[in-house]
Amino acid sequence: NELNALSARELEVFYYISSGLSNSEIADNLFRAVKTVENHVASIHRKLRTTNRSKLVRYGVERGIHAFTTEQWRTLIDGAQRIRKNAS
């Protein structure tokens, strides 16, 4: 349920964090600046009430986030985008 608070982009960043990627690697995958990724990470920390990256990774591992394939995760993120768009 806490993951519902995350935007689609934050979910995507969270997936990459849970998979062990660095901010720089995430920025490369998303074609974004590292600072943009850092802002997303800070927002994720606020929303999930975590204080550091290792707690985010643990949070993701405990919920099996890293076990999703990239395709499954993309489907989840696309669904979150559609739900938010329809709610607006």
C-alpha atoms as a PDB file:
ATOM      1  CA  ASN A   1       0.000   0.000   0.000  1.00  0.00           C
ATOM      2  CA  GLU A   2       2.851   2.396   0.682  1.00  0.00           C
ATOM      3  CA  LEU A   3       3.952   1.970  -2.911  1.00  0.00           C
ATOM      4  CA  ASN A   4       0.662   3.531  -4.041  1.00  0.00           C
ATOM      5  CA  ALA A   5       2.030   6.871  -2.840  1.00  0.00           C
ATOM      6  CA  LEU A   6       4.851   6.723  -5.391  1.00  0.00           C
ATOM      7  CA  SER A   7       4.523   8.236  -8.856  1.00  0.00           C
ATOM      8  CA  ALA A   8       5.184   6.050 -11.876  1.00  0.00           C
ATOM      9  CA  ARG A   9       8.689   7.525 -12.258  1.00  0.00           C
ATOM     10  CA  GLU A  10       9.388   7.007  -8.542  1.00  0.00           C
ATOM     11  CA  LEU A  11       8.280   3.381  -8.895  1.00  0.00           C
ATOM     12  CA  GLU A  12      10.682   2.995 -11.772  1.00  0.00           C
ATOM     13  CA  VAL A  13      13.547   4.526  -9.779  1.00  0.00           C
ATOM     14  CA  PHE A  14      12.617   2.354  -6.788  1.00  0.00           C
ATOM     15  CA  TYR A  15      12.773  -0.757  -8.974  1.00  0.00           C
ATOM     16  CA  TYR A  16      16.264   0.155 -10.109  1.00  0.00           C
ATOM     17  CA  ILE A  17      17.349   0.888  -6.532  1.00  0.00           C
ATOM     18  CA  SER A  18      15.965  -2.478  -5.421  1.00  0.00           C
ATOM     19  CA  SER A  19      17.934  -4.070  -8.235  1.00  0.00           C
ATOM     20  CA  GLY A  20      21.141  -2.552  -6.871  1.00  0.00           C
ATOM     21  CA  LEU A  21      21.781   0.183  -9.432  1.00  0.00           C
ATOM     22  CA  SER A  22      23.543   3.408  -8.481  1.00  0.00           C
ATOM     23  CA  ASN A  23      22.015   6.839  -9.114  1.00  0.00           C
ATOM     24  CA  SER A  24      24.345   7.263 -12.072  1.00  0.00           C
ATOM     25  CA  GLU A  25      23.299   3.926 -13.577  1.00  0.00           C
ATOM     26  CA  ILE A  26      19.622   4.765 -13.028  1.00  0.00           C
ATOM     27  CA  ALA A  27      20.111   8.157 -14.694  1.00  0.00           C
ATOM     28  CA  ASP A  28      21.689   6.439 -17.704  1.00  0.00           C
ATOM     29  CA  ASN A  29      18.796   3.952 -17.975  1.00  0.00           C
ATOM     30  CA  LEU A  30      16.164   6.685 -17.737  1.00  0.00           C
ATOM     31  CA  PHE A  31      18.045   9.237 -19.853  1.00  0.00           C
ATOM     32  CA  ARG A  32      17.833  11.735 -16.977  1.00  0.00           C
ATOM     33  CA  ALA A  33      20.351  13.789 -15.024  1.00  0.00           C
ATOM     34  CA  VAL A  34      21.798  12.268 -11.861  1.00  0.00           C
ATOM     35  CA  LYS A  35      20.361  15.228  -9.903  1.00  0.00           C
ATOM     36  CA  THR A  36      16.861  14.355 -11.174  1.00  0.00           C
ATOM     37  CA  VAL A  37      17.312  10.785  -9.947  1.00  0.00           C
ATOM     38  CA  GLU A  38      18.580  12.100  -6.600  1.00  0.00           C
ATOM     39  CA  ASN A  39      15.408  14.184  -6.303  1.00  0.00           C
ATOM     40  CA  HIS A  40      13.276  11.113  -7.004  1.00  0.00           C
ATOM     41  CA  VAL A  41      15.218   9.121  -4.395  1.00  0.00           C
ATOM     42  CA  ALA A  42      14.667  11.870  -1.803  1.00  0.00           C
ATOM     43  CA  SER A  43      10.951  11.856  -2.576  1.00  0.00           C
ATOM     44  CA  ILE A  44      10.820   8.061  -2.266  1.00  0.00           C
ATOM     45  CA  HIS A  45      12.555   8.299   1.122  1.00  0.00           C
ATOM     46  CA  ARG A  46       9.940  10.794   2.307  1.00  0.00           C
ATOM     47  CA  LYS A  47       6.990   8.766   1.079  1.00  0.00           C
ATOM     48  CA  LEU A  48       8.254   5.411   2.360  1.00  0.00           C
ATOM     49  CA  ARG A  49       9.710   6.894   5.540  1.00  0.00           C
ATOM     50  CA  THR A  50      13.180   5.497   4.961  1.00  0.00           C
ATOM     51  CA  THR A  51      16.407   7.230   5.842  1.00  0.00           C
ATOM     52  CA  ASN A  52      19.024   5.642   3.604  1.00  0.00           C
ATOM     53  CA  ARG A  53      19.529   3.621   0.451  1.00  0.00           C
ATOM     54  CA  SER A  54      20.158   0.336   2.236  1.00  0.00           C
ATOM     55  CA  LYS A  55      16.746   0.622   3.917  1.00  0.00           C
ATOM     56  CA  LEU A  56      15.166   1.227   0.513  1.00  0.00           C
ATOM     57  CA  VAL A  57      16.890  -1.855  -0.887  1.00  0.00           C
ATOM     58  CA  ARG A  58      15.766  -3.888   2.126  1.00  0.00           C
ATOM     59  CA  TYR A  59      12.204  -2.552   1.738  1.00  0.00           C
ATOM     60  CA  GLY A  60      12.221  -3.654  -1.892  1.00  0.00           C
ATOM     61  CA  VAL A  61      13.746  -7.060  -1.165  1.00  0.00           C
ATOM     62  CA  GLU A  62      11.236  -7.749   1.619  1.00  0.00           C
ATOM     63  CA  ARG A  63       8.436  -7.073  -0.852  1.00  0.00           C
ATOM     64  CA  GLY A  64      10.005  -9.037  -3.696  1.00  0.00           C
ATOM     65  CA  ILE A  65      10.462  -5.989  -5.920  1.00  0.00           C
ATOM     66  CA  HIS A  66      13.768  -7.230  -7.327  1.00  0.00           C
ATOM     67  CA  ALA A  67      12.132 -10.543  -8.348  1.00  0.00           C
ATOM     68  CA  PHE A  68       9.969  -8.864 -11.002  1.00  0.00           C
ATOM     69  CA  THR A  69      11.270  -8.997 -14.535  1.00  0.00           C
ATOM     70  CA  THR A  70      11.790  -5.676 -16.268  1.00  0.00           C
ATOM     71  CA  GLU A  71       8.723  -6.413 -18.419  1.00  0.00           C
ATOM     72  CA  GLN A  72       6.541  -7.170 -15.354  1.00  0.00           C
ATOM     73  CA  TRP A  73       7.749  -4.019 -13.667  1.00  0.00           C
ATOM     74  CA  ARG A  74       7.051  -1.945 -16.801  1.00  0.00           C
ATOM     75  CA  THR A  75       3.489  -3.307 -16.857  1.00  0.00           C
ATOM     76  CA  LEU A  76       3.030  -2.342 -13.199  1.00  0.00           C
ATOM     77  CA  ILE A  77       4.378   1.161 -13.788  1.00  0.00           C
ATOM     78  CA  ASP A  78       2.206   1.650 -16.888  1.00  0.00           C
ATOM     79  CA  GLY A  79      -0.826   0.566 -14.852  1.00  0.00           C
ATOM     80  CA  ALA A  80       0.031   3.067 -12.116  1.00  0.00           C
ATOM     81  CA  GLN A  81       0.274   5.817 -14.721  1.00  0.00           C
ATOM     82  CA  ARG A  82      -3.138   4.964 -16.173  1.00  0.00           C
ATOM     83  CA  ILE A  83      -4.766   4.854 -12.732  1.00  0.00           C
ATOM     84  CA  ARG A  84      -3.335   8.254 -11.777  1.00  0.00           C
ATOM     85  CA  LYS A  85      -4.341   9.729 -15.142  1.00  0.00           C
ATOM     86  CA  ASN A  86      -7.918   8.473 -14.815  1.00  0.00           C
ATOM     87  CA  ALA A  87      -8.160   9.775 -11.240  1.00  0.00           C
ATOM     88  CA  SER A  88      -7.209  13.293 -12.329  1.00  0.00           C
END
